[in-house]
Amino acid sequence: MSFEELNMKDYEITTSYPVITTEKDSGIVPDLIEAYAGNSGEFTASTQYIYQSFIVKPNAIYKGLYAILERISIKEMHHLEILSQLLLAQGINPKFCRYIDQNLSLCNPWSTNQIKYNTNVKEFLNDNILLEEKAIAEYMQIIEKSTSNNIKEVIARIIEDEKAHLKIFHKLLEILQNSEKEKKRENEKEKEKEKIN
């Protein structure tokens, strides 16, 4: 199987997202901010995946991978939008930063240093797997802590997407590893032919 043969529709979740209400849960705000613009938050994920798509785009063998990374990045941007609306419902300005004071008035701006600028496809797929696993764990904590049923429902729906992304990244890694094994076998066959001749 090649990257082009991977059907994203087999992995995408099609159920709609719950409508966001104005239900308050101030205790969960720091966690929502972290999911929004933290080290493994949606802004980091969407930016990292689009960066990776730029890296692979010039190489024809990665045409399918480029399209998948771009599509996942767009989905992460949708999650970013959803989190911005949850923050606004809590009365928080959804700046791309991490607030560092109790009054939520001082913040450290989000930085491109949070992106892993790895250009090796195998390594960056592993980076993405770790990023998705961390995001899922952080979202599960939000569900455990939250007193708002609406927030729990919205976050649970986002988790479904993140689990799908995790499956996609595992499948992409499997495709890459199988391709590497096939190339190795072909090289070994070529060496054997050279020895015979």
N, C-alpha and C. Protein backbone atom coordinates (compact mmCIF):
# COMPACT_ATOMS: atom_id res chain seq x y z
N MET A 1 0.85 -1.18 0.00
CA MET A 1 0.00 0.00 0.00
C MET A 1 0.89 1.25 0.00
N SER A 2 0.48 2.26 -0.75
CA SER A 2 1.21 3.53 -0.80
C SER A 2 0.42 4.60 -0.04
N PHE A 3 1.05 5.76 0.15
CA PHE A 3 0.37 6.86 0.82
C PHE A 3 -0.88 7.29 0.05
N GLU A 4 -0.78 7.25 -1.30
CA GLU A 4 -1.92 7.65 -2.13
C GLU A 4 -3.11 6.71 -1.98
N GLU A 5 -2.83 5.46 -1.65
CA GLU A 5 -3.90 4.46 -1.54
C GLU A 5 -4.64 4.51 -0.20
N LEU A 6 -4.09 5.25 0.76
CA LEU A 6 -4.74 5.36 2.06
C LEU A 6 -5.99 6.22 1.93
N ASN A 7 -7.12 5.66 2.26
CA ASN A 7 -8.39 6.37 2.13
C ASN A 7 -8.73 7.04 3.46
N MET A 8 -8.65 8.36 3.47
CA MET A 8 -8.93 9.12 4.69
C MET A 8 -10.35 8.91 5.19
N LYS A 9 -11.27 8.63 4.27
CA LYS A 9 -12.67 8.43 4.67
C LYS A 9 -12.83 7.23 5.59
N ASP A 10 -11.89 6.29 5.52
CA ASP A 10 -11.93 5.13 6.40
C ASP A 10 -11.63 5.50 7.85
N TYR A 11 -11.05 6.67 8.05
CA TYR A 11 -10.60 7.08 9.38
C TYR A 11 -11.36 8.28 9.94
N GLU A 12 -11.94 9.09 9.08
CA GLU A 12 -12.57 10.31 9.55
C GLU A 12 -13.88 10.06 10.27
N ILE A 13 -14.12 10.84 11.29
CA ILE A 13 -15.35 10.77 12.08
C ILE A 13 -16.33 11.76 11.46
N THR A 14 -17.53 11.31 11.18
CA THR A 14 -18.49 12.18 10.48
C THR A 14 -19.59 12.73 11.39
N THR A 15 -19.64 12.29 12.64
CA THR A 15 -20.68 12.82 13.53
C THR A 15 -20.43 14.30 13.80
N SER A 16 -21.49 15.04 13.98
CA SER A 16 -21.36 16.48 14.18
C SER A 16 -20.84 16.79 15.58
N TYR A 17 -20.36 18.01 15.74
CA TYR A 17 -19.87 18.48 17.04
C TYR A 17 -21.04 19.05 17.83
N PRO A 18 -21.05 18.84 19.14
CA PRO A 18 -22.13 19.43 19.96
C PRO A 18 -22.11 20.96 19.87
N VAL A 19 -23.28 21.55 19.99
CA VAL A 19 -23.40 23.01 20.02
C VAL A 19 -22.80 23.51 21.33
N ILE A 20 -22.00 24.57 21.25
CA ILE A 20 -21.36 25.13 22.44
C ILE A 20 -22.35 26.06 23.15
N THR A 21 -22.50 25.84 24.44
CA THR A 21 -23.39 26.68 25.24
C THR A 21 -22.55 27.65 26.08
N THR A 22 -23.23 28.47 26.86
CA THR A 22 -22.53 29.43 27.73
C THR A 22 -22.37 28.87 29.15
N GLU A 23 -22.53 27.55 29.29
CA GLU A 23 -22.37 26.90 30.59
C GLU A 23 -20.97 27.17 31.14
N LYS A 24 -20.87 27.67 32.36
CA LYS A 24 -19.59 28.07 32.95
C LYS A 24 -18.93 26.93 33.71
N ASP A 25 -17.59 26.92 33.66
CA ASP A 25 -16.77 26.00 34.44
C ASP A 25 -15.39 26.64 34.55
N SER A 26 -15.26 27.61 35.46
CA SER A 26 -14.01 28.37 35.57
C SER A 26 -12.82 27.50 35.97
N GLY A 27 -13.07 26.40 36.64
CA GLY A 27 -11.98 25.52 37.08
C GLY A 27 -11.26 24.84 35.94
N ILE A 28 -11.87 24.78 34.78
CA ILE A 28 -11.30 24.07 33.64
C ILE A 28 -10.58 25.01 32.66
N VAL A 29 -10.69 26.32 32.88
CA VAL A 29 -10.12 27.31 31.96
C VAL A 29 -8.63 27.08 31.69
N PRO A 30 -7.77 26.90 32.72
CA PRO A 30 -6.35 26.68 32.42
C PRO A 30 -6.10 25.47 31.52
N ASP A 31 -6.90 24.43 31.70
CA ASP A 31 -6.76 23.23 30.87
C ASP A 31 -7.19 23.49 29.43
N LEU A 32 -8.26 24.29 29.26
CA LEU A 32 -8.71 24.64 27.91
C LEU A 32 -7.65 25.50 27.20
N ILE A 33 -7.04 26.42 27.96
CA ILE A 33 -5.98 27.25 27.39
C ILE A 33 -4.81 26.38 26.95
N GLU A 34 -4.45 25.41 27.76
CA GLU A 34 -3.34 24.50 27.42
C GLU A 34 -3.68 23.69 26.16
N ALA A 35 -4.92 23.21 26.07
CA ALA A 35 -5.34 22.45 24.88
C ALA A 35 -5.38 23.34 23.64
N TYR A 36 -5.62 24.61 23.86
CA TYR A 36 -5.72 25.58 22.77
C TYR A 36 -4.35 25.98 22.24
N ALA A 37 -3.46 26.45 23.12
CA ALA A 37 -2.17 26.99 22.66
C ALA A 37 -0.98 26.51 23.48
N GLY A 38 -1.11 25.36 24.11
CA GLY A 38 -0.01 24.80 24.89
C GLY A 38 0.96 24.02 24.01
N ASN A 39 1.95 23.39 24.65
CA ASN A 39 2.99 22.65 23.92
C ASN A 39 2.43 21.56 23.01
N SER A 40 1.37 20.90 23.46
CA SER A 40 0.77 19.86 22.63
C SER A 40 -0.66 20.23 22.25
N GLY A 41 -0.93 21.53 22.27
CA GLY A 41 -2.27 22.02 21.95
C GLY A 41 -2.56 22.05 20.46
N GLU A 42 -3.77 22.47 20.16
CA GLU A 42 -4.25 22.46 18.78
C GLU A 42 -3.47 23.41 17.86
N PHE A 43 -3.07 24.56 18.39
CA PHE A 43 -2.31 25.50 17.55
C PHE A 43 -0.96 24.89 17.18
N THR A 44 -0.32 24.22 18.12
CA THR A 44 0.95 23.55 17.86
C THR A 44 0.76 22.43 16.86
N ALA A 45 -0.25 21.59 17.05
CA ALA A 45 -0.48 20.45 16.16
C ALA A 45 -0.77 20.91 14.74
N SER A 46 -1.69 21.86 14.59
CA SER A 46 -2.05 22.30 13.23
C SER A 46 -0.84 22.91 12.53
N THR A 47 -0.03 23.67 13.25
CA THR A 47 1.14 24.31 12.65
C THR A 47 2.22 23.28 12.32
N GLN A 48 2.42 22.32 13.20
CA GLN A 48 3.43 21.28 12.96
C GLN A 48 3.07 20.44 11.74
N TYR A 49 1.80 20.06 11.62
CA TYR A 49 1.40 19.21 10.50
C TYR A 49 1.46 19.95 9.17
N ILE A 50 1.11 21.23 9.17
CA ILE A 50 1.17 21.97 7.91
C ILE A 50 2.64 22.19 7.52
N TYR A 51 3.51 22.42 8.50
CA TYR A 51 4.95 22.52 8.23
C TYR A 51 5.45 21.22 7.58
N GLN A 52 5.06 20.09 8.13
CA GLN A 52 5.48 18.80 7.58
C GLN A 52 4.97 18.62 6.15
N SER A 53 3.75 19.09 5.89
CA SER A 53 3.21 18.97 4.53
C SER A 53 4.06 19.79 3.55
N PHE A 54 4.56 20.95 3.99
CA PHE A 54 5.44 21.76 3.14
C PHE A 54 6.73 21.01 2.84
N ILE A 55 7.25 20.31 3.84
CA ILE A 55 8.52 19.58 3.70
C ILE A 55 8.41 18.47 2.67
N VAL A 56 7.30 17.72 2.68
CA VAL A 56 7.18 16.56 1.79
C VAL A 56 6.62 16.91 0.41
N LYS A 57 6.00 18.07 0.27
CA LYS A 57 5.32 18.41 -1.00
C LYS A 57 6.22 18.31 -2.24
N PRO A 58 7.48 18.78 -2.19
CA PRO A 58 8.30 18.72 -3.41
C PRO A 58 8.63 17.30 -3.90
N ASN A 59 8.52 16.32 -3.02
CA ASN A 59 8.89 14.94 -3.37
C ASN A 59 7.66 14.17 -3.86
N ALA A 60 7.67 13.77 -5.12
CA ALA A 60 6.52 13.11 -5.74
C ALA A 60 6.07 11.85 -5.00
N ILE A 61 7.01 11.14 -4.39
CA ILE A 61 6.61 9.90 -3.70
C ILE A 61 5.78 10.18 -2.45
N TYR A 62 5.80 11.43 -1.99
CA TYR A 62 5.04 11.80 -0.80
C TYR A 62 3.79 12.62 -1.12
N LYS A 63 3.33 12.56 -2.36
CA LYS A 63 2.15 13.33 -2.76
C LYS A 63 0.94 13.00 -1.87
N GLY A 64 0.72 11.73 -1.64
CA GLY A 64 -0.41 11.31 -0.79
C GLY A 64 -0.22 11.73 0.65
N LEU A 65 1.03 11.66 1.13
CA LEU A 65 1.32 12.06 2.51
C LEU A 65 1.09 13.55 2.68
N TYR A 66 1.49 14.32 1.68
CA TYR A 66 1.26 15.78 1.71
C TYR A 66 -0.23 16.07 1.91
N ALA A 67 -1.07 15.43 1.13
CA ALA A 67 -2.52 15.67 1.20
C ALA A 67 -3.09 15.27 2.56
N ILE A 68 -2.60 14.17 3.12
CA ILE A 68 -3.10 13.70 4.42
C ILE A 68 -2.70 14.66 5.53
N LEU A 69 -1.44 15.08 5.52
CA LEU A 69 -0.97 16.02 6.55
C LEU A 69 -1.74 17.35 6.48
N GLU A 70 -1.97 17.81 5.27
CA GLU A 70 -2.71 19.06 5.09
C GLU A 70 -4.13 18.91 5.63
N ARG A 71 -4.75 17.79 5.35
CA ARG A 71 -6.13 17.56 5.79
C ARG A 71 -6.24 17.46 7.32
N ILE A 72 -5.26 16.77 7.92
CA ILE A 72 -5.27 16.66 9.39
C ILE A 72 -5.01 18.03 10.02
N SER A 73 -4.12 18.80 9.42
CA SER A 73 -3.85 20.15 9.92
C SER A 73 -5.13 21.00 9.92
N ILE A 74 -5.89 20.89 8.87
CA ILE A 74 -7.15 21.65 8.78
C ILE A 74 -8.13 21.20 9.86
N LYS A 75 -8.17 19.89 10.12
CA LYS A 75 -9.05 19.38 11.19
C LYS A 75 -8.60 19.93 12.55
N GLU A 76 -7.29 20.00 12.77
CA GLU A 76 -6.78 20.55 14.03
C GLU A 76 -7.14 22.04 14.14
N MET A 77 -7.14 22.75 13.01
CA MET A 77 -7.55 24.16 13.03
C MET A 77 -9.03 24.27 13.41
N HIS A 78 -9.83 23.31 12.99
CA HIS A 78 -11.24 23.31 13.39
C HIS A 78 -11.36 23.11 14.90
N HIS A 79 -10.54 22.21 15.44
CA HIS A 79 -10.53 22.02 16.90
C HIS A 79 -10.12 23.32 17.59
N LEU A 80 -9.15 24.01 17.01
CA LEU A 80 -8.69 25.29 17.55
C LEU A 80 -9.85 26.29 17.62
N GLU A 81 -10.63 26.33 16.56
CA GLU A 81 -11.79 27.21 16.53
C GLU A 81 -12.80 26.83 17.61
N ILE A 82 -13.05 25.53 17.76
CA ILE A 82 -13.99 25.06 18.78
C ILE A 82 -13.51 25.47 20.17
N LEU A 83 -12.22 25.28 20.45
CA LEU A 83 -11.67 25.65 21.75
C LEU A 83 -11.76 27.16 21.97
N SER A 84 -11.56 27.93 20.89
CA SER A 84 -11.68 29.39 21.04
C SER A 84 -13.10 29.76 21.48
N GLN A 85 -14.09 29.06 20.96
CA GLN A 85 -15.48 29.33 21.31
C GLN A 85 -15.79 28.89 22.74
N LEU A 86 -15.18 27.78 23.17
CA LEU A 86 -15.34 27.35 24.57
C LEU A 86 -14.72 28.39 25.51
N LEU A 87 -13.55 28.91 25.13
CA LEU A 87 -12.89 29.92 25.96
C LEU A 87 -13.72 31.20 26.01
N LEU A 88 -14.23 31.63 24.86
CA LEU A 88 -15.07 32.83 24.83
C LEU A 88 -16.32 32.64 25.70
N ALA A 89 -16.89 31.45 25.68
CA ALA A 89 -18.07 31.15 26.51
C ALA A 89 -17.73 31.26 27.99
N GLN A 90 -16.44 31.07 28.33
CA GLN A 90 -15.99 31.20 29.72
C GLN A 90 -15.55 32.63 30.04
N GLY A 91 -15.68 33.54 29.06
CA GLY A 91 -15.28 34.93 29.26
C GLY A 91 -13.79 35.17 29.08
N ILE A 92 -13.11 34.27 28.38
CA ILE A 92 -11.66 34.36 28.19
C ILE A 92 -11.34 34.77 26.76
N ASN A 93 -10.44 35.72 26.60
CA ASN A 93 -9.94 36.12 25.28
C ASN A 93 -9.04 35.00 24.76
N PRO A 94 -9.37 34.37 23.65
CA PRO A 94 -8.58 33.22 23.16
C PRO A 94 -7.30 33.64 22.43
N LYS A 95 -6.41 34.29 23.16
CA LYS A 95 -5.12 34.66 22.59
C LYS A 95 -4.28 33.41 22.38
N PHE A 96 -3.34 33.50 21.46
CA PHE A 96 -2.43 32.37 21.23
C PHE A 96 -1.28 32.48 22.23
N CYS A 97 -1.62 32.18 23.48
CA CYS A 97 -0.62 32.25 24.54
C CYS A 97 -1.06 31.40 25.71
N ARG A 98 -0.14 31.26 26.65
CA ARG A 98 -0.43 30.55 27.89
C ARG A 98 -0.42 31.57 29.01
N TYR A 99 -1.54 31.71 29.68
CA TYR A 99 -1.63 32.68 30.77
C TYR A 99 -0.77 32.21 31.94
N ILE A 100 -0.07 33.16 32.57
CA ILE A 100 0.88 32.79 33.62
C ILE A 100 0.54 33.44 34.97
N ASP A 101 -0.67 33.98 35.09
CA ASP A 101 -1.09 34.55 36.37
C ASP A 101 -2.51 34.10 36.68
N GLN A 102 -2.86 34.21 37.94
CA GLN A 102 -4.18 33.77 38.39
C GLN A 102 -5.32 34.57 37.77
N ASN A 103 -5.07 35.85 37.47
CA ASN A 103 -6.11 36.71 36.92
C ASN A 103 -6.25 36.58 35.40
N LEU A 104 -5.43 35.75 34.80
CA LEU A 104 -5.43 35.53 33.36
C LEU A 104 -5.26 36.84 32.58
N SER A 105 -4.32 37.66 33.06
CA SER A 105 -4.04 38.91 32.36
C SER A 105 -2.64 38.92 31.74
N LEU A 106 -1.72 38.15 32.29
CA LEU A 106 -0.36 38.05 31.75
C LEU A 106 -0.21 36.72 31.03
N CYS A 107 0.41 36.78 29.87
CA CYS A 107 0.58 35.50 29.16
C CYS A 107 1.88 35.47 28.37
N ASN A 108 2.39 34.26 28.21
CA ASN A 108 3.54 34.01 27.35
C ASN A 108 3.00 33.68 25.97
N PRO A 109 3.38 34.43 24.93
CA PRO A 109 2.88 34.15 23.59
C PRO A 109 3.29 32.77 23.09
N TRP A 110 2.40 32.18 22.32
CA TRP A 110 2.73 30.91 21.67
C TRP A 110 3.95 31.16 20.78
N SER A 111 4.82 30.17 20.71
CA SER A 111 6.06 30.33 19.95
C SER A 111 6.23 29.19 18.96
N THR A 112 6.81 29.51 17.83
CA THR A 112 7.11 28.47 16.83
C THR A 112 8.15 27.49 17.35
N ASN A 113 8.79 27.80 18.47
CA ASN A 113 9.73 26.86 19.08
C ASN A 113 9.02 25.61 19.59
N GLN A 114 7.71 25.67 19.71
CA GLN A 114 6.95 24.51 20.17
C GLN A 114 6.81 23.45 19.07
N ILE A 115 7.09 23.83 17.84
CA ILE A 115 7.01 22.89 16.72
C ILE A 115 8.28 22.05 16.67
N LYS A 116 8.13 20.77 16.38
CA LYS A 116 9.30 19.92 16.13
C LYS A 116 9.61 20.01 14.65
N TYR A 117 10.72 20.64 14.33
CA TYR A 117 11.10 20.85 12.93
C TYR A 117 11.89 19.67 12.40
N ASN A 118 11.29 18.51 12.47
CA ASN A 118 11.94 17.28 12.02
C ASN A 118 11.62 17.07 10.54
N THR A 119 12.63 16.87 9.71
CA THR A 119 12.40 16.68 8.28
C THR A 119 12.46 15.22 7.86
N ASN A 120 12.81 14.33 8.76
CA ASN A 120 12.83 12.90 8.49
C ASN A 120 11.41 12.37 8.67
N VAL A 121 10.83 11.82 7.62
CA VAL A 121 9.41 11.42 7.64
C VAL A 121 9.12 10.42 8.74
N LYS A 122 9.95 9.39 8.87
CA LYS A 122 9.72 8.38 9.89
C LYS A 122 9.75 9.00 11.29
N GLU A 123 10.72 9.87 11.51
CA GLU A 123 10.84 10.52 12.82
C GLU A 123 9.68 11.46 13.08
N PHE A 124 9.25 12.23 12.06
CA PHE A 124 8.17 13.16 12.35
C PHE A 124 6.82 12.45 12.51
N LEU A 125 6.66 11.30 11.87
CA LEU A 125 5.43 10.53 12.12
C LEU A 125 5.40 10.04 13.57
N ASN A 126 6.56 9.63 14.07
CA ASN A 126 6.65 9.24 15.48
C ASN A 126 6.38 10.44 16.39
N ASP A 127 6.90 11.62 16.02
CA ASP A 127 6.61 12.85 16.78
C ASP A 127 5.10 13.09 16.83
N ASN A 128 4.44 12.90 15.69
CA ASN A 128 3.00 13.15 15.60
C ASN A 128 2.21 12.17 16.46
N ILE A 129 2.65 10.94 16.49
CA ILE A 129 1.98 9.93 17.33
C ILE A 129 2.06 10.36 18.79
N LEU A 130 3.24 10.79 19.22
CA LEU A 130 3.40 11.24 20.61
C LEU A 130 2.55 12.48 20.89
N LEU A 131 2.49 13.40 19.93
CA LEU A 131 1.69 14.62 20.09
C LEU A 131 0.21 14.28 20.23
N GLU A 132 -0.28 13.37 19.41
CA GLU A 132 -1.69 12.97 19.49
C GLU A 132 -1.99 12.24 20.80
N GLU A 133 -1.08 11.37 21.23
CA GLU A 133 -1.28 10.65 22.49
C GLU A 133 -1.35 11.63 23.66
N LYS A 134 -0.47 12.63 23.65
CA LYS A 134 -0.46 13.62 24.73
C LYS A 134 -1.75 14.45 24.70
N ALA A 135 -2.19 14.83 23.51
CA ALA A 135 -3.42 15.62 23.38
C ALA A 135 -4.62 14.84 23.92
N ILE A 136 -4.69 13.56 23.57
CA ILE A 136 -5.80 12.72 24.05
C ILE A 136 -5.78 12.65 25.57
N ALA A 137 -4.59 12.44 26.15
CA ALA A 137 -4.47 12.36 27.61
C ALA A 137 -4.91 13.66 28.27
N GLU A 138 -4.50 14.80 27.69
CA GLU A 138 -4.89 16.10 28.25
C GLU A 138 -6.40 16.33 28.13
N TYR A 139 -6.98 15.90 27.01
CA TYR A 139 -8.43 16.04 26.85
C TYR A 139 -9.19 15.15 27.83
N MET A 140 -8.65 13.97 28.09
CA MET A 140 -9.30 13.06 29.06
C MET A 140 -9.30 13.70 30.45
N GLN A 141 -8.22 14.41 30.77
CA GLN A 141 -8.16 15.10 32.07
C GLN A 141 -9.21 16.21 32.15
N ILE A 142 -9.41 16.90 31.02
CA ILE A 142 -10.44 17.95 31.00
C ILE A 142 -11.81 17.34 31.29
N ILE A 143 -12.11 16.22 30.66
CA ILE A 143 -13.40 15.55 30.89
C ILE A 143 -13.55 15.14 32.36
N GLU A 144 -12.46 14.60 32.94
CA GLU A 144 -12.52 14.17 34.34
C GLU A 144 -12.74 15.34 35.30
N LYS A 145 -12.11 16.50 34.99
CA LYS A 145 -12.17 17.66 35.88
C LYS A 145 -13.43 18.50 35.70
N SER A 146 -13.96 18.55 34.51
CA SER A 146 -15.03 19.50 34.19
C SER A 146 -16.34 19.16 34.90
N THR A 147 -17.03 20.23 35.28
CA THR A 147 -18.38 20.09 35.85
C THR A 147 -19.44 20.40 34.80
N SER A 148 -19.01 20.78 33.61
CA SER A 148 -19.93 21.16 32.53
C SER A 148 -20.16 19.99 31.59
N ASN A 149 -21.41 19.55 31.50
CA ASN A 149 -21.74 18.47 30.56
C ASN A 149 -21.46 18.89 29.12
N ASN A 150 -21.71 20.16 28.81
CA ASN A 150 -21.48 20.65 27.45
C ASN A 150 -19.99 20.56 27.09
N ILE A 151 -19.13 21.03 27.99
CA ILE A 151 -17.69 20.97 27.73
C ILE A 151 -17.26 19.51 27.58
N LYS A 152 -17.76 18.64 28.45
CA LYS A 152 -17.41 17.22 28.37
C LYS A 152 -17.80 16.63 27.01
N GLU A 153 -19.00 16.97 26.54
CA GLU A 153 -19.48 16.44 25.25
C GLU A 153 -18.64 16.96 24.09
N VAL A 154 -18.31 18.25 24.11
CA VAL A 154 -17.51 18.84 23.04
C VAL A 154 -16.11 18.21 23.01
N ILE A 155 -15.51 18.10 24.18
CA ILE A 155 -14.15 17.54 24.27
C ILE A 155 -14.16 16.06 23.87
N ALA A 156 -15.18 15.33 24.26
CA ALA A 156 -15.29 13.91 23.89
C ALA A 156 -15.34 13.76 22.37
N ARG A 157 -16.04 14.68 21.71
CA ARG A 157 -16.12 14.63 20.24
C ARG A 157 -14.76 14.94 19.60
N ILE A 158 -14.04 15.90 20.17
CA ILE A 158 -12.68 16.20 19.67
C ILE A 158 -11.76 14.99 19.85
N ILE A 159 -11.90 14.31 20.98
CA ILE A 159 -11.07 13.11 21.24
C ILE A 159 -11.29 12.06 20.15
N GLU A 160 -12.51 11.92 19.67
CA GLU A 160 -12.77 10.95 18.59
C GLU A 160 -11.90 11.27 17.37
N ASP A 161 -11.81 12.55 17.02
CA ASP A 161 -10.95 12.95 15.90
C ASP A 161 -9.48 12.65 16.19
N GLU A 162 -9.05 12.96 17.41
CA GLU A 162 -7.64 12.76 17.75
C GLU A 162 -7.28 11.27 17.71
N LYS A 163 -8.20 10.43 18.15
CA LYS A 163 -7.96 8.98 18.07
C LYS A 163 -7.87 8.52 16.62
N ALA A 164 -8.70 9.12 15.76
CA ALA A 164 -8.63 8.80 14.32
C ALA A 164 -7.29 9.26 13.75
N HIS A 165 -6.82 10.44 14.15
CA HIS A 165 -5.52 10.92 13.68
C HIS A 165 -4.41 9.98 14.13
N LEU A 166 -4.52 9.50 15.35
CA LEU A 166 -3.54 8.56 15.89
C LEU A 166 -3.48 7.29 15.03
N LYS A 167 -4.64 6.77 14.67
CA LYS A 167 -4.71 5.58 13.80
C LYS A 167 -4.08 5.87 12.43
N ILE A 168 -4.37 7.06 11.90
CA ILE A 168 -3.81 7.43 10.58
C ILE A 168 -2.29 7.49 10.66
N PHE A 169 -1.76 8.14 11.69
CA PHE A 169 -0.30 8.26 11.80
C PHE A 169 0.36 6.89 11.98
N HIS A 170 -0.28 6.00 12.73
CA HIS A 170 0.24 4.63 12.86
C HIS A 170 0.23 3.92 11.49
N LYS A 171 -0.85 4.10 10.74
CA LYS A 171 -0.95 3.48 9.42
C LYS A 171 0.10 4.05 8.47
N LEU A 172 0.30 5.37 8.49
CA LEU A 172 1.32 6.00 7.64
C LEU A 172 2.70 5.47 7.99
N LEU A 173 2.98 5.31 9.26
CA LEU A 173 4.27 4.77 9.69
C LEU A 173 4.43 3.33 9.20
N GLU A 174 3.37 2.56 9.27
CA GLU A 174 3.40 1.18 8.78
C GLU A 174 3.67 1.15 7.28
N ILE A 175 3.01 2.01 6.52
CA ILE A 175 3.23 2.09 5.07
C ILE A 175 4.68 2.44 4.78
N LEU A 176 5.21 3.40 5.50
CA LEU A 176 6.60 3.81 5.30
C LEU A 176 7.56 2.68 5.63
N GLN A 177 7.35 2.00 6.73
CA GLN A 177 8.22 0.90 7.13
C GLN A 177 8.15 -0.26 6.13
N ASN A 178 6.96 -0.56 5.63
CA ASN A 178 6.82 -1.61 4.62
C ASN A 178 7.53 -1.23 3.33
N SER A 179 7.46 0.04 2.97
CA SER A 179 8.14 0.54 1.78
C SER A 179 9.65 0.42 1.94
N GLU A 180 10.15 0.76 3.12
CA GLU A 180 11.59 0.65 3.40
C GLU A 180 12.05 -0.81 3.33
N LYS A 181 11.24 -1.72 3.86
CA LYS A 181 11.57 -3.15 3.81
C LYS A 181 11.61 -3.65 2.37
N GLU A 182 10.64 -3.19 1.56
CA GLU A 182 10.59 -3.58 0.16
C GLU A 182 11.82 -3.09 -0.60
N LYS A 183 12.21 -1.85 -0.34
CA LYS A 183 13.41 -1.30 -0.99
C LYS A 183 14.65 -2.08 -0.59
N LYS A 184 14.72 -2.45 0.69
CA LYS A 184 15.86 -3.23 1.18
C LYS A 184 15.92 -4.59 0.49
N ARG A 185 14.77 -5.23 0.34
CA ARG A 185 14.73 -6.53 -0.35
C ARG A 185 15.17 -6.40 -1.81
N GLU A 186 14.70 -5.32 -2.46
CA GLU A 186 15.09 -5.09 -3.86
C GLU A 186 16.59 -4.84 -3.99
N ASN A 187 17.14 -4.09 -3.06
CA ASN A 187 18.59 -3.84 -3.07
C ASN A 187 19.39 -5.13 -2.87
N GLU A 188 18.90 -5.98 -1.98
CA GLU A 188 19.56 -7.26 -1.72
C GLU A 188 19.51 -8.15 -2.96
N LYS A 189 18.38 -8.14 -3.66
CA LYS A 189 18.25 -8.91 -4.91
C LYS A 189 19.22 -8.41 -5.97
N GLU A 190 19.33 -7.08 -6.06
CA GLU A 190 20.26 -6.49 -7.03
C GLU A 190 21.70 -6.89 -6.72
N LYS A 191 22.05 -6.90 -5.44
CA LYS A 191 23.41 -7.29 -5.04
C LYS A 191 23.67 -8.75 -5.38
N GLU A 192 22.66 -9.59 -5.16
CA GLU A 192 22.80 -11.01 -5.50
C GLU A 192 23.01 -11.20 -7.00
N LYS A 193 22.26 -10.44 -7.80
CA LYS A 193 22.42 -10.53 -9.27
C LYS A 193 23.82 -10.12 -9.69
N GLU A 194 24.33 -9.06 -9.05
CA GLU A 194 25.68 -8.58 -9.36
C GLU A 194 26.72 -9.63 -9.02
N LYS A 195 26.53 -10.34 -7.94
CA LYS A 195 27.47 -11.38 -7.52
C LYS A 195 27.47 -12.53 -8.54
N ILE A 196 26.28 -12.86 -9.03
CA ILE A 196 26.16 -13.97 -9.99
C ILE A 196 26.83 -13.60 -11.31
N ASN A 197 26.64 -12.36 -11.74
CA ASN A 197 27.22 -11.90 -13.02
C ASN A 197 28.68 -11.65 -12.83
